[in-house]
Amino acid sequence: MVNEELKKEWEEFAGLSEGGVFQSERNIRILKRLEKPGEIVDAVLDTDTYNEIDDQYALAYMLKSEESVRVKAIYAAPFTNCKSDGPKDGMEKSYEEIRHVLELMGREDMYGSVYKGSEDYLQDEHTPVVSDAARDLARRAMNYSEEHPLYVVAIAAITNVASAILMNPEIINRIVLVWLGGNAHDWPNNREYNLYQDIAGARIVFGCGVPLVQLPCMGVVSAFTVSGPELETHLRGKNPLCDYLADFTEQEAVSCGAGKTWSRPIWDVTAVGWLIGKDLMNDRIEYAPVPEYDNRYSVRKDGHFYKYVYYINRDNLLEDLVEKLTR
């Protein structure tokens, strides 16, 4: 629900001009689409799967949530860090890792629904990076409507999605975007991995009016962690996928200098959790800020609404994740 102060402030603004009335009508439509779906929905996943440990959890969790989501496509996203030579290499490695996770799950039937994404990040806010993934989203979303949208769960640099919007702006009215990126509004800075790799892309999705759900990393999603003993108790020995996740998570923890009582955030699971769960996190309506190139947000109160997740119910989400991964 929109809090009363925000609602009153918006109504006052909306009455100032004809443009304000138009914005108010648009926000009413956005608010309706930002409500959590009450039925099974179609969705696509945009993921830099080889980047860290959490994408593998999120991909498996989404595929195992058949009672809530029909996964129609999976897009490999670019990334750059010590595991890749650059965005193209990161995307290619993510593509192969997606297929690896599908193999572990016995879901080779999904191979034809995996698409290679951008080989670079956006160089400006007007020119898309054309890829198979962006083309597929720009085309696929046209089969949906404002009343029955396609949900886009994005857990990487937002290049593929922003490019699809630039290629076909009409999809803004046919999708709902759930993105894990940026930091909490009260965090000292907004230098977050998914965001700073492609700030131009982030500015497009925050500014274009697409219904957007943001799961901020530091200060919100950073609370969703898993520990070594939990992996051994809940995942180890359950199936090949669970063994892989436990091994990979422990290896990553060791490589990052983990101590005896380590825990690791598995950030990306939360984006899937928003889509499928009613009691897994809390959110609220805010005015969509503008991610700036100097690693901060600009606050504006003359724009459109978006949904901001501010609390993760860690135990409930972990319980649901474990239950589905171990099926």
Protein backbone atom coordinates (compact mmCIF):
# COMPACT_ATOMS: atom_id res chain seq x y z
CA MET A 1 0.00 0.00 0.00
CA VAL A 2 1.10 3.55 -0.63
CA ASN A 3 1.59 5.28 2.72
CA GLU A 4 -0.79 8.20 3.33
CA GLU A 5 1.89 10.89 3.24
CA LEU A 6 3.21 9.69 -0.10
CA LYS A 7 -0.30 9.35 -1.49
CA LYS A 8 -1.28 12.85 -0.39
CA GLU A 9 1.92 14.34 -1.77
CA TRP A 10 1.36 12.64 -5.08
CA GLU A 11 -2.26 13.78 -5.33
CA GLU A 12 -1.15 17.36 -4.71
CA PHE A 13 1.45 17.11 -7.43
CA ALA A 14 -0.94 15.44 -9.85
CA GLY A 15 -3.34 18.37 -9.64
CA LEU A 16 -0.77 20.95 -10.67
CA SER A 17 -1.01 20.48 -14.41
CA GLU A 18 -2.39 18.44 -17.24
CA GLY A 19 0.93 16.60 -17.32
CA GLY A 20 0.48 15.78 -13.65
CA VAL A 21 -2.90 14.23 -14.37
CA PHE A 22 -1.32 12.07 -17.07
CA GLN A 23 1.41 10.99 -14.67
CA SER A 24 -1.19 10.15 -12.04
CA GLU A 25 -3.07 7.92 -14.46
CA ARG A 26 0.15 6.20 -15.43
CA ASN A 27 1.02 5.59 -11.80
CA ILE A 28 -2.36 4.00 -11.14
CA ARG A 29 -1.64 1.56 -13.95
CA ILE A 30 1.87 0.91 -12.65
CA LEU A 31 0.61 0.27 -9.12
CA LYS A 32 -1.82 -2.34 -10.38
CA ARG A 33 0.92 -4.22 -12.21
CA LEU A 34 3.24 -4.06 -9.19
CA GLU A 35 0.84 -6.13 -7.12
CA LYS A 36 2.13 -9.64 -6.55
CA PRO A 37 0.48 -12.09 -8.91
CA GLY A 38 -2.14 -14.31 -7.38
CA GLU A 39 -1.83 -17.02 -10.00
CA ILE A 40 0.82 -18.86 -11.96
CA VAL A 41 2.67 -16.49 -14.31
CA ASP A 42 5.07 -16.66 -17.23
CA ALA A 43 8.58 -15.38 -16.55
CA VAL A 44 12.07 -15.17 -17.99
CA LEU A 45 15.35 -15.09 -16.05
CA ASP A 46 18.31 -12.84 -16.91
CA THR A 47 21.42 -14.15 -15.15
CA ASP A 48 25.23 -13.87 -15.04
CA THR A 49 25.32 -17.45 -13.79
CA TYR A 50 29.10 -17.99 -13.75
CA ASN A 51 29.81 -14.81 -11.82
CA GLU A 52 29.32 -16.10 -8.28
CA ILE A 53 27.45 -18.81 -6.35
CA ASP A 54 24.00 -17.31 -6.01
CA ASP A 55 22.72 -17.40 -9.59
CA GLN A 56 22.79 -21.20 -9.60
CA TYR A 57 20.54 -21.25 -6.55
CA ALA A 58 18.18 -18.71 -8.12
CA LEU A 59 17.95 -20.55 -11.44
CA ALA A 60 17.19 -23.87 -9.76
CA TYR A 61 14.73 -22.24 -7.33
CA MET A 62 12.80 -20.64 -10.15
CA LEU A 63 12.60 -23.85 -12.15
CA LYS A 64 11.51 -25.77 -9.04
CA SER A 65 8.67 -23.31 -8.36
CA GLU A 66 6.33 -24.71 -11.00
CA GLU A 67 3.28 -23.97 -8.86
CA SER A 68 4.00 -20.24 -9.23
CA VAL A 69 6.09 -19.68 -12.34
CA ARG A 70 6.38 -21.02 -15.87
CA VAL A 71 9.96 -20.31 -16.97
CA LYS A 72 9.79 -19.44 -20.66
CA ALA A 73 13.39 -18.39 -21.35
CA ILE A 74 16.78 -17.94 -19.68
CA TYR A 75 19.16 -15.18 -20.79
CA ALA A 76 22.92 -15.26 -20.23
CA ALA A 77 24.11 -11.84 -19.05
CA PRO A 78 27.56 -10.24 -19.29
CA PHE A 79 29.86 -9.70 -16.32
CA THR A 80 33.43 -8.66 -15.64
CA ASN A 81 35.55 -9.75 -12.69
CA CYS A 82 38.38 -12.15 -11.86
CA LYS A 83 36.39 -14.98 -13.44
CA SER A 84 36.11 -13.40 -16.88
CA ASP A 85 38.21 -11.45 -19.35
CA GLY A 86 35.36 -9.05 -20.01
CA PRO A 87 31.62 -8.89 -20.65
CA LYS A 88 31.64 -11.21 -23.67
CA ASP A 89 33.67 -13.88 -21.89
CA GLY A 90 31.49 -13.54 -18.80
CA MET A 91 28.34 -13.96 -20.86
CA GLU A 92 29.70 -17.02 -22.68
CA LYS A 93 30.73 -18.65 -19.39
CA SER A 94 27.31 -17.87 -17.94
CA TYR A 95 25.65 -19.51 -20.93
CA GLU A 96 27.61 -22.71 -20.32
CA GLU A 97 26.93 -22.61 -16.58
CA ILE A 98 23.19 -22.29 -17.20
CA ARG A 99 23.35 -25.45 -19.29
CA HIS A 100 25.40 -27.16 -16.59
CA VAL A 101 22.79 -26.40 -13.92
CA LEU A 102 20.03 -27.61 -16.24
CA GLU A 103 21.94 -30.85 -16.76
CA LEU A 104 22.31 -31.36 -13.00
CA MET A 105 18.55 -30.88 -12.68
CA GLY A 106 17.73 -33.26 -15.50
CA ARG A 107 16.19 -30.34 -17.40
CA GLU A 108 17.95 -30.69 -20.72
CA ASP A 109 14.53 -29.97 -22.25
CA MET A 110 15.22 -26.30 -21.45
CA TYR A 111 18.39 -26.08 -23.56
CA GLY A 112 16.47 -24.57 -26.47
CA SER A 113 15.16 -21.81 -24.20
CA VAL A 114 18.62 -20.52 -23.23
CA TYR A 115 19.82 -17.44 -25.14
CA LYS A 116 23.19 -15.73 -25.33
CA GLY A 117 23.09 -12.13 -24.22
CA SER A 118 25.08 -8.94 -24.69
CA GLU A 119 28.78 -9.05 -25.47
CA ASP A 120 29.30 -5.56 -24.07
CA TYR A 121 27.60 -3.04 -21.80
CA LEU A 122 25.61 -0.08 -23.05
CA GLN A 123 27.84 2.76 -24.19
CA ASP A 124 25.07 5.35 -23.90
CA GLU A 125 21.39 5.55 -23.00
CA HIS A 126 20.11 5.40 -26.57
CA THR A 127 21.90 2.57 -28.39
CA PRO A 128 21.02 -1.06 -27.59
CA VAL A 129 23.51 -3.91 -27.49
CA VAL A 130 21.78 -6.31 -29.85
CA SER A 131 21.91 -9.99 -28.86
CA ASP A 132 19.84 -13.14 -29.12
CA ALA A 133 18.56 -12.54 -25.59
CA ALA A 134 17.53 -8.93 -26.24
CA ARG A 135 15.87 -9.90 -29.51
CA ASP A 136 13.97 -12.72 -27.83
CA LEU A 137 12.69 -10.50 -25.02
CA ALA A 138 11.73 -7.71 -27.44
CA ARG A 139 9.74 -10.26 -29.45
CA ARG A 140 8.43 -12.54 -26.69
CA ALA A 141 6.98 -9.74 -24.57
CA MET A 142 4.66 -8.75 -27.42
CA ASN A 143 2.65 -11.91 -26.71
CA TYR A 144 1.63 -10.42 -23.34
CA SER A 145 -0.46 -7.47 -22.22
CA GLU A 146 -0.79 -4.91 -19.46
CA GLU A 147 -3.41 -7.12 -17.81
CA HIS A 148 -1.35 -10.30 -18.22
CA PRO A 149 2.32 -9.25 -18.31
CA LEU A 150 5.51 -11.24 -18.74
CA TYR A 151 7.63 -11.13 -15.59
CA VAL A 152 11.32 -10.45 -16.15
CA VAL A 153 13.49 -11.53 -13.22
CA ALA A 154 16.92 -9.93 -13.67
CA ILE A 155 19.85 -10.76 -11.40
CA ALA A 156 22.78 -9.27 -13.30
CA ALA A 157 23.88 -6.13 -15.08
CA ILE A 158 20.68 -4.98 -16.76
CA THR A 159 22.14 -4.70 -20.29
CA ASN A 160 19.98 -7.36 -21.95
CA VAL A 161 16.72 -5.96 -20.59
CA ALA A 162 17.58 -2.31 -21.25
CA SER A 163 18.61 -3.21 -24.79
CA ALA A 164 15.31 -4.98 -25.42
CA ILE A 165 13.44 -1.89 -24.20
CA LEU A 166 15.46 0.34 -26.54
CA MET A 167 14.82 -2.06 -29.42
CA ASN A 168 11.07 -2.22 -28.76
CA PRO A 169 9.77 0.36 -26.25
CA GLU A 170 6.27 -1.11 -26.54
CA ILE A 171 7.30 -3.92 -24.19
CA ILE A 172 7.30 -1.41 -21.32
CA ASN A 173 3.52 -1.90 -21.25
CA ARG A 174 3.76 -5.69 -21.39
CA ILE A 175 6.34 -6.67 -18.76
CA VAL A 176 7.03 -6.33 -15.05
CA LEU A 177 10.73 -6.11 -14.19
CA VAL A 178 12.06 -7.56 -10.93
CA TRP A 179 15.71 -6.52 -10.59
CA LEU A 180 18.33 -7.22 -7.97
CA GLY A 181 20.67 -4.26 -8.18
CA GLY A 182 21.80 -1.07 -6.49
CA ASN A 183 22.09 -0.59 -2.74
CA ALA A 184 19.59 0.45 -0.09
CA HIS A 185 18.48 4.08 -0.25
CA ASP A 186 20.16 4.78 3.10
CA TRP A 187 23.42 3.00 2.24
CA PRO A 188 26.42 5.37 2.11
CA ASN A 189 26.93 4.81 -1.62
CA ASN A 190 25.30 3.14 -4.59
CA ARG A 191 28.37 1.42 -5.98
CA GLU A 192 26.85 -2.02 -6.42
CA TYR A 193 28.15 -4.68 -8.81
CA ASN A 194 25.08 -5.27 -10.99
CA LEU A 195 24.47 -1.54 -11.25
CA TYR A 196 27.92 -0.06 -11.79
CA GLN A 197 28.78 -2.42 -14.64
CA ASP A 198 26.05 -0.77 -16.71
CA ILE A 199 24.79 2.45 -15.17
CA ALA A 200 23.36 3.55 -18.52
CA GLY A 201 21.20 0.42 -18.58
CA ALA A 202 20.06 1.00 -15.01
CA ARG A 203 19.09 4.58 -15.81
CA ILE A 204 16.97 3.33 -18.69
CA VAL A 205 14.96 0.85 -16.61
CA PHE A 206 14.54 3.29 -13.70
CA GLY A 207 13.49 6.12 -15.98
CA CYS A 208 11.38 4.61 -18.76
CA GLY A 209 8.27 3.86 -16.70
CA VAL A 210 8.42 0.08 -16.81
CA PRO A 211 6.82 -1.41 -13.67
CA LEU A 212 9.92 -2.09 -11.59
CA VAL A 213 10.58 -3.98 -8.37
CA GLN A 214 14.02 -3.27 -6.91
CA LEU A 215 15.78 -5.60 -4.49
CA PRO A 216 18.69 -3.52 -3.15
CA CYS A 217 21.86 -5.42 -2.30
CA MET A 218 23.79 -3.86 0.59
CA GLY A 219 21.45 -2.96 3.42
CA VAL A 220 18.60 -5.26 2.39
CA VAL A 221 19.37 -8.43 0.45
CA SER A 222 22.76 -8.73 2.16
CA ALA A 223 20.83 -10.22 5.09
CA PHE A 224 20.00 -13.34 3.08
CA THR A 225 22.95 -15.60 3.88
CA VAL A 226 23.65 -19.30 4.21
CA SER A 227 26.33 -20.93 6.39
CA GLY A 228 28.47 -24.05 6.06
CA PRO A 229 26.60 -26.05 8.72
CA GLU A 230 23.28 -25.20 7.04
CA LEU A 231 24.56 -26.47 3.70
CA GLU A 232 25.74 -29.70 5.29
CA THR A 233 22.47 -30.20 7.14
CA HIS A 234 19.96 -29.19 4.50
CA LEU A 235 21.56 -29.80 1.09
CA ARG A 236 24.45 -32.25 1.32
CA GLY A 237 23.55 -35.68 -0.03
CA LYS A 238 20.05 -34.78 -1.20
CA ASN A 239 20.67 -34.86 -4.97
CA PRO A 240 23.43 -33.99 -7.51
CA LEU A 241 22.27 -30.38 -7.73
CA CYS A 242 22.36 -29.90 -3.96
CA ASP A 243 25.82 -31.47 -3.71
CA TYR A 244 27.08 -29.15 -6.44
CA LEU A 245 25.65 -26.08 -4.71
CA ALA A 246 27.11 -27.07 -1.34
CA ASP A 247 30.55 -27.81 -2.81
CA PHE A 248 30.63 -24.66 -4.92
CA THR A 249 29.50 -22.42 -2.06
CA GLU A 250 32.12 -23.83 0.31
CA GLN A 251 34.85 -23.45 -2.33
CA GLU A 252 33.87 -19.83 -2.89
CA ALA A 253 33.88 -19.16 0.84
CA VAL A 254 37.39 -20.60 1.20
CA SER A 255 38.67 -18.64 -1.81
CA CYS A 256 37.35 -15.45 -0.20
CA GLY A 257 39.23 -16.11 3.03
CA ALA A 258 36.35 -17.47 5.09
CA GLY A 259 36.90 -18.00 8.80
CA LYS A 260 35.57 -20.81 10.95
CA THR A 261 32.06 -19.34 11.22
CA TRP A 262 31.59 -18.10 7.68
CA SER A 263 28.35 -17.32 5.89
CA ARG A 264 27.77 -16.23 2.32
CA PRO A 265 25.02 -14.07 0.83
CA ILE A 266 23.03 -15.84 -1.87
CA TRP A 267 21.61 -12.58 -3.12
CA ASP A 268 19.87 -13.60 -6.32
CA VAL A 269 17.45 -16.02 -4.69
CA THR A 270 15.53 -13.05 -3.30
CA ALA A 271 14.46 -11.79 -6.73
CA VAL A 272 12.82 -15.13 -7.46
CA GLY A 273 11.40 -15.12 -3.93
CA TRP A 274 9.59 -11.82 -4.51
CA LEU A 275 7.75 -13.30 -7.47
CA ILE A 276 6.68 -16.57 -5.85
CA GLY A 277 6.18 -15.86 -2.14
CA LYS A 278 3.64 -13.87 -0.14
CA ASP A 279 5.46 -13.90 3.20
CA LEU A 280 9.10 -13.95 2.17
CA MET A 281 9.85 -10.20 2.21
CA ASN A 282 8.36 -6.75 2.75
CA ASP A 283 8.15 -3.97 0.19
CA ARG A 284 6.69 -0.53 -0.25
CA ILE A 285 5.90 1.98 -2.96
CA GLU A 286 8.44 4.75 -3.58
CA TYR A 287 9.14 7.29 -6.26
CA ALA A 288 11.67 5.72 -8.63
CA PRO A 289 15.05 7.38 -8.03
CA VAL A 290 17.68 8.00 -10.70
CA PRO A 291 20.96 6.04 -10.47
CA GLU A 292 23.68 8.59 -11.17
CA TYR A 293 27.10 8.03 -12.70
CA ASP A 294 28.78 9.13 -9.46
CA ASN A 295 27.48 6.14 -7.47
CA ARG A 296 24.53 7.80 -5.77
CA TYR A 297 20.79 8.09 -6.23
CA SER A 298 19.03 11.29 -7.21
CA VAL A 299 15.68 11.52 -5.47
CA ARG A 300 12.78 12.89 -7.47
CA LYS A 301 9.14 13.37 -6.55
CA ASP A 302 7.72 14.18 -9.94
CA GLY A 303 8.17 10.79 -11.56
CA HIS A 304 6.60 7.38 -11.52
CA PHE A 305 6.18 4.89 -8.72
CA TYR A 306 8.11 1.69 -8.27
CA LYS A 307 8.30 -1.02 -5.64
CA TYR A 308 11.21 -1.07 -3.18
CA VAL A 309 11.96 -4.19 -1.13
CA TYR A 310 13.22 -3.19 2.32
CA TYR A 311 13.19 -6.41 4.38
CA ILE A 312 13.94 -10.08 3.68
CA ASN A 313 12.36 -12.73 5.89
CA ARG A 314 15.54 -14.77 5.84
CA ASP A 315 14.32 -17.90 7.61
CA ASN A 316 11.08 -18.24 5.63
CA LEU A 317 12.87 -17.75 2.33
CA LEU A 318 15.65 -20.20 3.19
CA GLU A 319 13.09 -22.79 4.26
CA ASP A 320 11.21 -22.48 0.98
CA LEU A 321 14.46 -22.62 -1.01
CA VAL A 322 15.65 -25.78 0.76
CA GLU A 323 12.29 -27.49 0.42
CA LYS A 324 12.26 -26.95 -3.34
CA LEU A 325 15.92 -27.70 -4.06
CA THR A 326 15.71 -31.02 -2.23
CA ARG A 327 12.57 -32.27 -4.00
